[in-house]
Amino acid sequence: MQLPDKVQTAIHTLGQYDVPPSSVAPFWYRQFLRIRPQTPPPLWGASKGYWDFLALATALMWGSLVTAVVGYMTWVGDPNDDPGRWGLWFLWQGLIWGGAGFVAWADSAEKRTAASRDGAILSLPAWEFFSPAWRPSLDNLRKRALPSYFWLRALWTSNIAKQAAVVGAVAFAVVAWVFPQKAGSYGEVTALVYNVTCMIGVLRTAKRKPVPEQSLSWHCSQGFWMGSVLASVGWEAGIGQLLGQVPDHQTLYYAAGAFAFHASEWWSFNQQKDLALRAERAEQSRQLAEVRLQMLKNQIEPHFIFNTLAHLKALIRIDPVVAESMADELSDFLRASLQSLREDRMTVAQDIELVRAYLALASLRMGARLTVDLQMEPATAHLQVPPLMLQTLVENAIQHGIEPKLGPGHIRVSARLDSGGPTPRLVLEVADDGVGFGQAKTGGSGLGLVNIRERLATAFGTQAQLTLSANTPQGVIATLSLPASTSL
């Protein structure tokens, strides 16, 4: 199914930090959206109805599977067709569905807890306040990438644990020396105990709590059992056999389980470390984009302003009345520009006013060569947009479309609402009848359009697009399609 725009944005935004789509919008959540399309993703808590739905779906899935297996075994298990077997089969149904319901409820509760925990680690805001501008808490992510937050991983660099491991290995060696016939049983017990302690460590890691700095008991006990298990593995693998002792392979199995717990910790630790690094790189990219935007703000068409001032100086001697009008328009343009430079967002009405002042100056400079048409639907006036995007498109239309053209040119700027989709969208359009794609003698660098696309991705994720198309009979149409929102 087609996911809601905001859910797609969440997938795109969190994907930058290595959060897979299956964590944001898992399979059963996608199905639940058919019933309740406004439900936030599990990382934002979803809703009680979703977790009940998940438990019900899981219970039905496992219950049906086990029922089918038991039914098949009942059908083929008695060639004499004993009528009592079906009564036993119905008896099994209570156990099957009761067990499936309990398992599904426990699974749903655990997934809800895990989602809440992961959302807290990422410092996610409430769903209604989430936007592509969200950034995870770098301090939180860096802290969670420390070895002390991984109860088994913390042992690898602990001198206390290493010393205790030596004591544990010596203790096993003493037992094996004094009671060689009991060494295998002792090794099996130590490996089993170590498995249990490793499981405790993994569960404590899952609770996202660090190992206490003075936790001598944890380091000593884990180190002791670790050393004992390593020594017992060596005994089972060869030393005991050389001394004529029959090996007990249960020790090796338990040791393999402990190794699996440590491997799980290693994988989780590296995943968290990679996530922190990705977050830092993304934050650096965002800061770089902000620097580029600031540079753009500081360099708003200086040659346009200088040309206008030079033209104004010439007009003062030739036509003082027109020069006065140009001075007023330049004042309006600079006032609107300075206001937009101070803000991270502006309304469509303010954006249109800035464009109007810019085009008024261009019309005075170009005279009858340029005609302008500004259209704004009243419903769009209060909507919020990032500043300077529309003006950049108008500047491109002037420089690369109208100025290289021989003869008059026309620019149309419009702002309208498009209600054709599931959610209303704001459509900003700049159309010119200039020379068209690639016809200007001096092409631009394209940095303006690249900057717009980067800022759209940062502000709206996949919900906003910039498209360029050919105008009829000539020229270019630049279209911005944004979510219609009163806030960014």
Protein backbone atom coordinates (compact mmCIF):
# COMPACT_ATOMS: atom_id res chain seq x y z
CA MET A 1 0.00 0.00 0.00
CA GLN A 2 1.00 3.65 -0.45
CA LEU A 3 2.29 4.93 2.87
CA PRO A 4 1.20 8.38 4.10
CA ASP A 5 3.55 11.19 3.15
CA LYS A 6 4.68 11.79 6.72
CA VAL A 7 5.52 8.12 7.25
CA GLN A 8 7.57 8.16 4.02
CA THR A 9 9.36 11.25 5.28
CA ALA A 10 10.11 9.49 8.58
CA ILE A 11 11.54 6.51 6.68
CA HIS A 12 13.70 8.82 4.55
CA THR A 13 14.88 10.95 7.48
CA LEU A 14 15.72 8.06 9.82
CA GLY A 15 17.29 6.17 6.91
CA GLN A 16 20.06 8.77 6.95
CA TYR A 17 20.96 7.40 10.39
CA ASP A 18 20.93 3.73 9.39
CA VAL A 19 17.46 3.06 10.78
CA PRO A 20 15.92 0.50 8.37
CA PRO A 21 12.39 1.00 6.94
CA SER A 22 11.29 -2.20 8.70
CA SER A 23 11.93 -0.49 12.04
CA VAL A 24 9.91 2.60 11.08
CA ALA A 25 7.04 0.89 9.24
CA PRO A 26 7.04 -2.91 9.81
CA PHE A 27 4.72 -5.23 7.88
CA TRP A 28 1.81 -5.38 10.34
CA TYR A 29 1.92 -1.61 10.87
CA ARG A 30 1.48 -1.14 7.11
CA GLN A 31 -1.58 -3.38 7.25
CA PHE A 32 -3.01 -1.52 10.25
CA LEU A 33 -2.76 1.77 8.33
CA ARG A 34 -5.54 0.48 6.07
CA ILE A 35 -7.81 0.66 9.12
CA ARG A 36 -6.34 3.67 10.94
CA PRO A 37 -4.32 5.75 8.42
CA GLN A 38 -3.42 8.44 10.98
CA THR A 39 -1.60 6.05 13.36
CA PRO A 40 2.03 7.10 14.03
CA PRO A 41 4.80 4.52 13.47
CA PRO A 42 5.82 2.13 16.29
CA LEU A 43 8.90 4.22 17.15
CA TRP A 44 6.47 6.96 18.17
CA GLY A 45 4.38 4.58 20.26
CA ALA A 46 1.78 3.86 17.54
CA SER A 47 -1.49 3.34 19.46
CA LYS A 48 -3.02 0.78 21.80
CA GLY A 49 -5.16 -0.43 18.91
CA TYR A 50 -2.09 -1.21 16.83
CA TRP A 51 -0.40 -3.29 19.54
CA ASP A 52 -3.67 -5.19 20.10
CA PHE A 53 -3.89 -5.72 16.35
CA LEU A 54 -0.30 -6.97 16.27
CA ALA A 55 -0.98 -9.44 19.12
CA LEU A 56 -4.16 -10.68 17.41
CA ALA A 57 -2.46 -11.10 14.02
CA THR A 58 0.49 -12.94 15.60
CA ALA A 59 -1.82 -15.22 17.59
CA LEU A 60 -3.89 -16.06 14.51
CA MET A 61 -0.78 -16.75 12.46
CA TRP A 62 0.90 -19.09 14.94
CA GLY A 63 -2.36 -20.63 16.16
CA SER A 64 -3.46 -21.48 12.63
CA LEU A 65 -0.08 -22.93 11.75
CA VAL A 66 0.09 -25.17 14.83
CA THR A 67 -3.57 -26.18 14.40
CA ALA A 68 -2.90 -27.22 10.81
CA VAL A 69 0.15 -29.28 11.88
CA VAL A 70 -1.70 -30.98 14.76
CA GLY A 71 -4.73 -31.60 12.54
CA TYR A 72 -2.58 -33.23 9.89
CA MET A 73 -0.83 -35.40 12.46
CA THR A 74 -4.20 -36.41 13.92
CA TRP A 75 -5.54 -37.29 10.50
CA VAL A 76 -2.61 -39.47 9.44
CA GLY A 77 -1.62 -40.70 12.90
CA ASP A 78 -4.36 -43.30 13.40
CA PRO A 79 -4.97 -45.64 10.47
CA ASN A 80 -7.92 -47.25 12.34
CA ASP A 81 -9.87 -44.01 12.34
CA ASP A 82 -10.40 -43.94 16.09
CA PRO A 83 -13.28 -41.47 16.75
CA GLY A 84 -11.68 -40.44 20.04
CA ARG A 85 -8.72 -38.93 18.30
CA TRP A 86 -10.77 -35.93 17.13
CA GLY A 87 -11.92 -35.30 20.66
CA LEU A 88 -8.28 -35.18 21.65
CA TRP A 89 -7.65 -32.86 18.74
CA PHE A 90 -10.33 -30.43 20.02
CA LEU A 91 -8.75 -30.67 23.44
CA TRP A 92 -5.50 -29.58 21.92
CA GLN A 93 -7.17 -26.49 20.50
CA GLY A 94 -7.53 -24.88 23.89
CA LEU A 95 -3.85 -25.40 24.61
CA ILE A 96 -2.79 -24.27 21.15
CA TRP A 97 -4.81 -21.06 21.04
CA GLY A 98 -4.18 -20.23 24.67
CA GLY A 99 -0.44 -20.66 24.12
CA ALA A 100 -0.55 -18.69 20.85
CA GLY A 101 -2.41 -15.85 22.56
CA PHE A 102 0.07 -15.70 25.43
CA VAL A 103 3.09 -15.78 23.14
CA ALA A 104 1.56 -13.12 20.86
CA TRP A 105 0.72 -10.87 23.80
CA ALA A 106 4.25 -11.21 25.22
CA ASP A 107 5.78 -10.60 21.78
CA SER A 108 3.66 -7.48 21.24
CA ALA A 109 4.55 -6.13 24.69
CA GLU A 110 8.26 -6.72 24.08
CA LYS A 111 8.16 -5.04 20.66
CA ARG A 112 6.32 -2.07 22.14
CA THR A 113 8.96 -1.73 24.85
CA ALA A 114 11.79 -2.09 22.34
CA ALA A 115 10.26 0.53 20.02
CA SER A 116 9.82 2.95 22.92
CA ARG A 117 13.41 2.35 23.99
CA ASP A 118 14.77 2.93 20.49
CA GLY A 119 12.69 6.09 20.11
CA ALA A 120 14.12 7.43 23.37
CA ILE A 121 17.68 6.66 22.25
CA LEU A 122 17.10 8.61 19.05
CA SER A 123 15.48 11.47 21.04
CA LEU A 124 12.44 11.44 18.77
CA PRO A 125 9.92 14.23 19.40
CA ALA A 126 6.18 13.63 19.53
CA TRP A 127 4.78 12.53 16.16
CA GLU A 128 2.89 15.77 15.60
CA PHE A 129 6.14 17.73 15.97
CA PHE A 130 8.33 15.45 13.85
CA SER A 131 9.70 16.88 10.61
CA PRO A 132 12.66 16.29 8.29
CA ALA A 133 14.47 19.00 10.26
CA TRP A 134 14.72 16.58 13.22
CA ARG A 135 18.21 15.58 14.28
CA PRO A 136 19.10 12.85 16.79
CA SER A 137 20.88 13.74 19.99
CA LEU A 138 24.53 13.29 19.07
CA ASP A 139 25.55 13.27 22.72
CA ASN A 140 23.06 10.49 23.42
CA LEU A 141 24.24 8.45 20.45
CA ARG A 142 27.90 8.94 21.32
CA LYS A 143 27.21 7.91 24.90
CA ARG A 144 25.33 4.79 23.76
CA ALA A 145 28.34 3.83 21.61
CA LEU A 146 30.58 3.60 24.69
CA PRO A 147 31.68 0.06 25.69
CA SER A 148 30.32 0.66 29.21
CA TYR A 149 26.77 0.47 27.83
CA PHE A 150 27.41 -3.11 26.66
CA TRP A 151 27.72 -5.38 29.66
CA LEU A 152 29.69 -8.13 27.89
CA ARG A 153 31.68 -5.80 25.66
CA ALA A 154 32.85 -3.87 28.73
CA LEU A 155 34.62 -7.00 29.98
CA TRP A 156 36.98 -7.17 27.00
CA THR A 157 39.04 -4.21 28.17
CA SER A 158 38.61 -4.74 31.93
CA ASN A 159 41.85 -5.55 33.74
CA ILE A 160 39.84 -6.83 36.71
CA ALA A 161 37.96 -9.28 34.48
CA LYS A 162 41.24 -10.47 32.94
CA GLN A 163 42.77 -11.09 36.36
CA ALA A 164 39.64 -12.92 37.49
CA ALA A 165 39.78 -15.01 34.30
CA VAL A 166 43.27 -16.15 35.25
CA VAL A 167 41.96 -17.11 38.70
CA GLY A 168 39.09 -19.03 37.10
CA ALA A 169 41.41 -20.93 34.76
CA VAL A 170 43.71 -21.81 37.68
CA ALA A 171 40.70 -22.98 39.74
CA PHE A 172 39.63 -25.31 36.95
CA ALA A 173 43.18 -26.59 36.56
CA VAL A 174 43.31 -27.39 40.30
CA VAL A 175 40.00 -29.28 40.12
CA ALA A 176 41.17 -31.17 37.04
CA TRP A 177 44.46 -32.03 38.74
CA VAL A 178 42.92 -33.21 42.02
CA PHE A 179 39.71 -34.75 40.61
CA PRO A 180 40.34 -35.49 36.91
CA GLN A 181 37.24 -37.68 36.69
CA LYS A 182 35.09 -34.76 37.84
CA ALA A 183 36.69 -32.14 35.60
CA GLY A 184 34.24 -32.70 32.75
CA SER A 185 31.20 -32.27 35.03
CA TYR A 186 32.73 -29.19 36.65
CA GLY A 187 33.41 -27.71 33.19
CA GLU A 188 29.82 -28.39 32.14
CA VAL A 189 28.46 -26.63 35.23
CA THR A 190 30.75 -23.62 34.77
CA ALA A 191 29.79 -23.33 31.08
CA LEU A 192 26.09 -23.49 31.98
CA VAL A 193 26.48 -20.86 34.71
CA TYR A 194 28.46 -18.67 32.34
CA ASN A 195 25.66 -18.94 29.77
CA VAL A 196 23.17 -17.72 32.34
CA THR A 197 25.39 -14.79 33.35
CA CYS A 198 25.92 -13.89 29.68
CA MET A 199 22.16 -13.86 29.19
CA ILE A 200 21.82 -11.52 32.18
CA GLY A 201 24.42 -9.22 30.62
CA VAL A 202 22.61 -9.12 27.28
CA LEU A 203 19.32 -8.29 29.02
CA ARG A 204 20.98 -5.48 30.97
CA THR A 205 22.46 -4.16 27.73
CA ALA A 206 18.95 -4.15 26.23
CA LYS A 207 17.78 -1.91 29.09
CA ARG A 208 20.29 0.75 27.93
CA LYS A 209 21.88 1.16 31.35
CA PRO A 210 25.67 1.46 31.71
CA VAL A 211 27.81 -0.84 33.80
CA PRO A 212 28.40 0.86 37.18
CA GLU A 213 31.98 2.08 37.49
CA GLN A 214 32.43 0.27 40.81
CA SER A 215 30.77 -2.97 39.72
CA LEU A 216 33.58 -5.23 40.98
CA SER A 217 31.23 -8.14 41.52
CA TRP A 218 30.17 -8.16 37.86
CA HIS A 219 33.72 -7.93 36.50
CA CYS A 220 35.11 -10.48 38.94
CA SER A 221 32.33 -13.05 38.54
CA GLN A 222 32.23 -12.77 34.76
CA GLY A 223 36.00 -12.95 34.49
CA PHE A 224 36.14 -15.97 36.81
CA TRP A 225 33.53 -17.93 34.87
CA MET A 226 35.05 -16.89 31.55
CA GLY A 227 38.46 -18.23 32.57
CA SER A 228 36.91 -21.44 33.89
CA VAL A 229 34.99 -22.00 30.67
CA LEU A 230 38.04 -21.38 28.48
CA ALA A 231 40.03 -23.87 30.56
CA SER A 232 37.20 -26.42 30.43
CA VAL A 233 37.01 -26.07 26.65
CA GLY A 234 40.72 -26.78 26.46
CA TRP A 235 40.19 -29.80 28.69
CA GLU A 236 37.32 -31.14 26.58
CA ALA A 237 39.08 -30.39 23.31
CA GLY A 238 42.25 -32.32 24.05
CA ILE A 239 43.90 -32.32 27.46
CA GLY A 240 41.28 -34.55 29.06
CA GLN A 241 41.44 -37.03 26.21
CA LEU A 242 45.21 -37.27 26.56
CA LEU A 243 44.68 -38.19 30.22
CA GLY A 244 42.14 -40.86 29.30
CA GLN A 245 38.99 -38.92 30.24
CA VAL A 246 35.92 -39.33 28.03
CA PRO A 247 34.90 -35.84 26.78
CA ASP A 248 31.46 -34.47 27.60
CA HIS A 249 30.36 -32.44 24.59
CA GLN A 250 27.68 -30.51 26.54
CA THR A 251 30.48 -28.24 27.75
CA LEU A 252 31.36 -27.30 24.18
CA TYR A 253 27.70 -26.63 23.37
CA TYR A 254 27.29 -24.32 26.36
CA ALA A 255 30.56 -22.58 25.50
CA ALA A 256 29.29 -22.06 21.94
CA GLY A 257 26.13 -20.45 23.41
CA ALA A 258 28.25 -18.05 25.49
CA PHE A 259 30.30 -17.23 22.39
CA ALA A 260 27.04 -16.44 20.56
CA PHE A 261 26.05 -14.00 23.32
CA HIS A 262 29.42 -12.25 23.03
CA ALA A 263 29.08 -12.15 19.23
CA SER A 264 25.66 -10.55 19.63
CA GLU A 265 27.17 -7.89 21.90
CA TRP A 266 29.97 -7.27 19.41
CA TRP A 267 27.47 -6.84 16.58
CA SER A 268 25.22 -4.50 18.63
CA PHE A 269 28.20 -2.43 19.75
CA ASN A 270 29.46 -1.98 16.20
CA GLN A 271 25.98 -1.13 14.95
CA GLN A 272 25.61 1.56 17.61
CA LYS A 273 29.08 2.93 16.86
CA ASP A 274 28.30 3.06 13.12
CA LEU A 275 25.01 4.81 13.86
CA ALA A 276 26.80 7.46 15.92
CA LEU A 277 29.33 8.00 13.13
CA ARG A 278 26.59 8.27 10.51
CA ALA A 279 24.73 10.76 12.67
CA GLU A 280 27.85 12.88 13.03
CA ARG A 281 28.48 12.80 9.29
CA ALA A 282 24.87 13.75 8.59
CA GLU A 283 25.11 16.58 11.10
CA GLN A 284 28.27 17.81 9.42
CA SER A 285 26.51 17.70 6.04
CA ARG A 286 23.60 19.66 7.50
CA GLN A 287 25.95 22.28 8.92
CA LEU A 288 27.68 22.50 5.54
CA ALA A 289 24.29 23.03 3.87
CA GLU A 290 23.55 25.81 6.36
CA VAL A 291 26.91 27.43 5.59
CA ARG A 292 26.08 27.26 1.88
CA LEU A 293 22.70 28.83 2.55
CA GLN A 294 24.31 31.59 4.58
CA MET A 295 26.77 32.22 1.78
CA LEU A 296 23.84 32.35 -0.62
CA LYS A 297 22.11 34.87 1.62
CA ASN A 298 25.25 36.96 1.79
CA GLN A 299 25.63 36.95 -1.97
CA ILE A 300 22.07 37.65 -3.15
CA GLU A 301 22.76 38.69 -6.70
CA PRO A 302 25.37 41.40 -5.94
CA HIS A 303 25.83 42.02 -9.65
CA PHE A 304 22.06 42.64 -9.97
CA ILE A 305 22.20 45.28 -7.22
CA PHE A 306 25.33 46.86 -8.68
CA ASN A 307 23.78 46.99 -12.16
CA THR A 308 20.63 48.52 -10.69
CA LEU A 309 22.66 51.19 -8.86
CA ALA A 310 24.62 51.97 -12.03
CA HIS A 311 21.37 52.25 -13.99
CA LEU A 312 19.90 54.42 -11.23
CA LYS A 313 22.90 56.76 -11.41
CA ALA A 314 22.42 57.17 -15.15
CA LEU A 315 18.66 57.76 -14.79
CA ILE A 316 19.16 60.53 -12.24
CA ARG A 317 20.63 62.69 -15.01
CA ILE A 318 18.31 61.51 -17.79
CA ASP A 319 14.92 60.90 -16.13
CA PRO A 320 14.74 61.89 -12.44
CA VAL A 321 11.09 60.75 -12.13
CA VAL A 322 11.89 57.18 -13.23
CA ALA A 323 15.06 57.28 -11.10
CA GLU A 324 12.97 58.14 -8.05
CA SER A 325 10.60 55.24 -8.81
CA MET A 326 13.58 52.88 -9.18
CA ALA A 327 15.02 54.07 -5.86
CA ASP A 328 11.69 53.29 -4.17
CA GLU A 329 11.56 49.82 -5.70
CA LEU A 330 15.19 49.17 -4.72
CA SER A 331 14.37 50.22 -1.18
CA ASP A 332 11.39 47.83 -1.09
CA PHE A 333 13.49 45.01 -2.49
CA LEU A 334 16.33 45.48 0.00
CA ARG A 335 13.87 45.74 2.89
CA ALA A 336 12.15 42.51 1.88
CA SER A 337 15.50 40.80 1.25
CA LEU A 338 16.91 41.77 4.64
CA GLN A 339 13.78 40.50 6.35
CA SER A 340 14.06 37.13 4.58
CA LEU A 341 17.75 36.87 5.48
CA ARG A 342 16.90 37.01 9.17
CA GLU A 343 14.29 34.24 8.99
CA ASP A 344 14.47 30.49 8.41
CA ARG A 345 11.00 30.58 6.84
CA MET A 346 8.55 33.07 5.44
CA THR A 347 4.96 33.12 4.25
CA VAL A 348 4.00 32.81 0.61
CA ALA A 349 2.70 36.39 0.74
CA GLN A 350 6.12 37.64 1.92
CA ASP A 351 7.87 35.54 -0.72
CA ILE A 352 5.65 36.93 -3.47
CA GLU A 353 6.26 40.47 -2.22
CA LEU A 354 10.03 39.92 -2.42
CA VAL A 355 9.68 38.59 -5.97
CA ARG A 356 7.43 41.52 -6.90
CA ALA A 357 10.06 44.02 -5.72
CA TYR A 358 12.78 42.16 -7.61
CA LEU A 359 10.74 42.02 -10.84
CA ALA A 360 9.76 45.69 -10.48
CA LEU A 361 13.44 46.62 -10.50
CA ALA A 362 14.09 44.31 -13.43
CA SER A 363 11.18 45.89 -15.35
CA LEU A 364 12.50 49.40 -14.77
CA ARG A 365 15.93 48.30 -15.94
CA MET A 366 14.74 46.30 -18.97
CA GLY A 367 11.83 48.56 -19.86
CA ALA A 368 9.23 47.26 -22.32
CA ARG A 369 11.26 44.10 -22.91
CA LEU A 370 9.85 42.52 -19.73
CA THR A 371 6.24 41.99 -18.70
CA VAL A 372 5.27 40.31 -15.45
CA ASP A 373 2.23 38.44 -14.17
CA LEU A 374 1.97 37.63 -10.43
CA GLN A 375 -0.82 35.32 -9.25
CA MET A 376 -1.42 34.14 -5.68
CA GLU A 377 -4.48 32.28 -4.44
CA PRO A 378 -5.63 33.81 -1.14
CA ALA A 379 -5.59 30.40 0.56
CA THR A 380 -1.81 30.18 0.07
CA ALA A 381 -0.89 33.55 1.57
CA HIS A 382 -0.30 32.30 5.14
CA LEU A 383 1.49 29.07 4.22
CA GLN A 384 5.16 28.75 5.23
CA VAL A 385 8.00 28.22 2.73
CA PRO A 386 11.82 28.27 2.97
CA PRO A 387 13.12 31.72 1.92
CA LEU A 388 14.83 32.64 -1.35
CA MET A 389 13.83 29.57 -3.35
CA LEU A 390 11.22 31.35 -5.44
CA GLN A 391 13.50 34.33 -5.97
CA THR A 392 16.31 32.02 -7.15
CA LEU A 393 13.98 30.57 -9.79
CA VAL A 394 12.94 34.07 -10.90
CA GLU A 395 16.59 35.15 -11.13
CA ASN A 396 17.32 32.11 -13.32
CA ALA A 397 14.38 32.98 -15.56
CA ILE A 398 15.68 36.55 -15.99
CA GLN A 399 19.36 35.71 -16.50
CA HIS A 400 19.12 32.57 -18.61
CA GLY A 401 15.76 33.03 -20.29
CA ILE A 402 14.70 36.65 -20.82
CA GLU A 403 18.01 38.59 -21.00
CA PRO A 404 19.55 36.40 -23.78
CA LYS A 405 16.32 36.64 -25.80
CA LEU A 406 15.99 39.09 -28.67
CA GLY A 407 12.70 40.88 -28.20
CA PRO A 408 10.15 41.10 -25.41
CA GLY A 409 9.81 38.48 -22.72
CA HIS A 410 7.17 37.48 -20.20
CA ILE A 411 7.43 35.93 -16.73
CA ARG A 412 4.50 34.46 -14.82
CA VAL A 413 4.82 33.66 -11.10
CA SER A 414 1.96 31.81 -9.41
CA ALA A 415 1.12 30.24 -6.05
CA ARG A 416 -1.81 27.83 -5.81
CA LEU A 417 -3.15 24.91 -3.80
CA ASP A 418 -3.41 21.47 -5.39
CA SER A 419 -6.05 19.36 -3.63
CA GLY A 420 -5.97 16.49 -6.09
CA GLY A 421 -3.94 14.13 -3.87
CA PRO A 422 -4.52 12.64 -0.42
CA THR A 423 -3.17 15.82 1.19
CA PRO A 424 -3.21 19.41 -0.14
CA ARG A 425 0.01 20.65 -1.71
CA LEU A 426 1.40 24.11 -2.34
CA VAL A 427 2.51 24.62 -5.94
CA LEU A 428 4.83 27.54 -6.74
CA GLU A 429 5.51 28.06 -10.43
CA VAL A 430 7.82 30.35 -12.43
CA ALA A 431 7.21 30.28 -16.19
CA ASP A 432 9.10 32.30 -18.79
CA ASP A 433 9.01 32.48 -22.58
CA GLY A 434 12.77 33.00 -22.89
CA VAL A 435 15.29 31.17 -25.03
CA GLY A 436 14.66 27.79 -23.36
CA PHE A 437 16.92 24.97 -22.18
CA GLY A 438 20.59 25.29 -23.13
CA GLN A 439 20.05 28.18 -25.58
CA ALA A 440 21.71 30.93 -23.55
CA LYS A 441 25.24 31.79 -24.70
CA THR A 442 26.51 31.86 -21.11
CA GLY A 443 25.20 28.99 -19.04
CA GLY A 444 24.94 29.15 -15.29
CA SER A 445 26.75 26.93 -12.80
CA GLY A 446 23.54 25.22 -11.69
CA LEU A 447 24.44 25.74 -8.02
CA GLY A 448 21.19 27.60 -7.39
CA LEU A 449 19.07 24.61 -8.43
CA VAL A 450 21.33 22.17 -6.57
CA ASN A 451 20.99 24.30 -3.46
CA ILE A 452 17.20 24.32 -3.78
CA ARG A 453 17.04 20.54 -4.09
CA GLU A 454 19.32 20.05 -1.07
CA ARG A 455 17.22 22.41 1.03
CA LEU A 456 14.00 20.69 -0.07
CA ALA A 457 15.41 17.31 0.95
CA THR A 458 16.50 18.72 4.31
CA ALA A 459 13.20 20.47 5.04
CA PHE A 460 10.68 18.02 3.55
CA GLY A 461 12.44 14.74 2.76
CA THR A 462 10.69 13.06 -0.17
CA GLN A 463 7.56 15.19 0.18
CA ALA A 464 8.83 18.11 -1.95
CA GLN A 465 10.07 18.27 -5.53
CA LEU A 466 11.55 20.76 -7.97
CA THR A 467 10.77 20.02 -11.62
CA LEU A 468 11.82 21.81 -14.81
CA SER A 469 9.84 21.46 -18.03
CA ALA A 470 9.63 23.15 -21.42
CA ASN A 471 7.14 25.97 -21.85
CA THR A 472 4.98 26.45 -24.94
CA PRO A 473 5.90 27.79 -27.47
CA GLN A 474 9.30 28.38 -25.83
CA GLY A 475 10.89 28.96 -22.47
CA VAL A 476 11.03 27.03 -19.21
CA ILE A 477 8.58 26.26 -16.41
CA ALA A 478 10.09 25.69 -12.95
CA THR A 479 7.67 24.12 -10.44
CA LEU A 480 8.05 23.71 -6.68
CA SER A 481 5.61 21.23 -5.11
CA LEU A 482 5.59 21.39 -1.30
CA PRO A 483 3.40 20.12 1.53
CA ALA A 484 0.83 22.80 2.36
CA SER A 485 1.70 23.66 5.93
CA THR A 486 1.55 26.69 8.21
CA SER A 487 4.78 25.57 9.91
CA LEU A 488 8.06 23.88 8.94
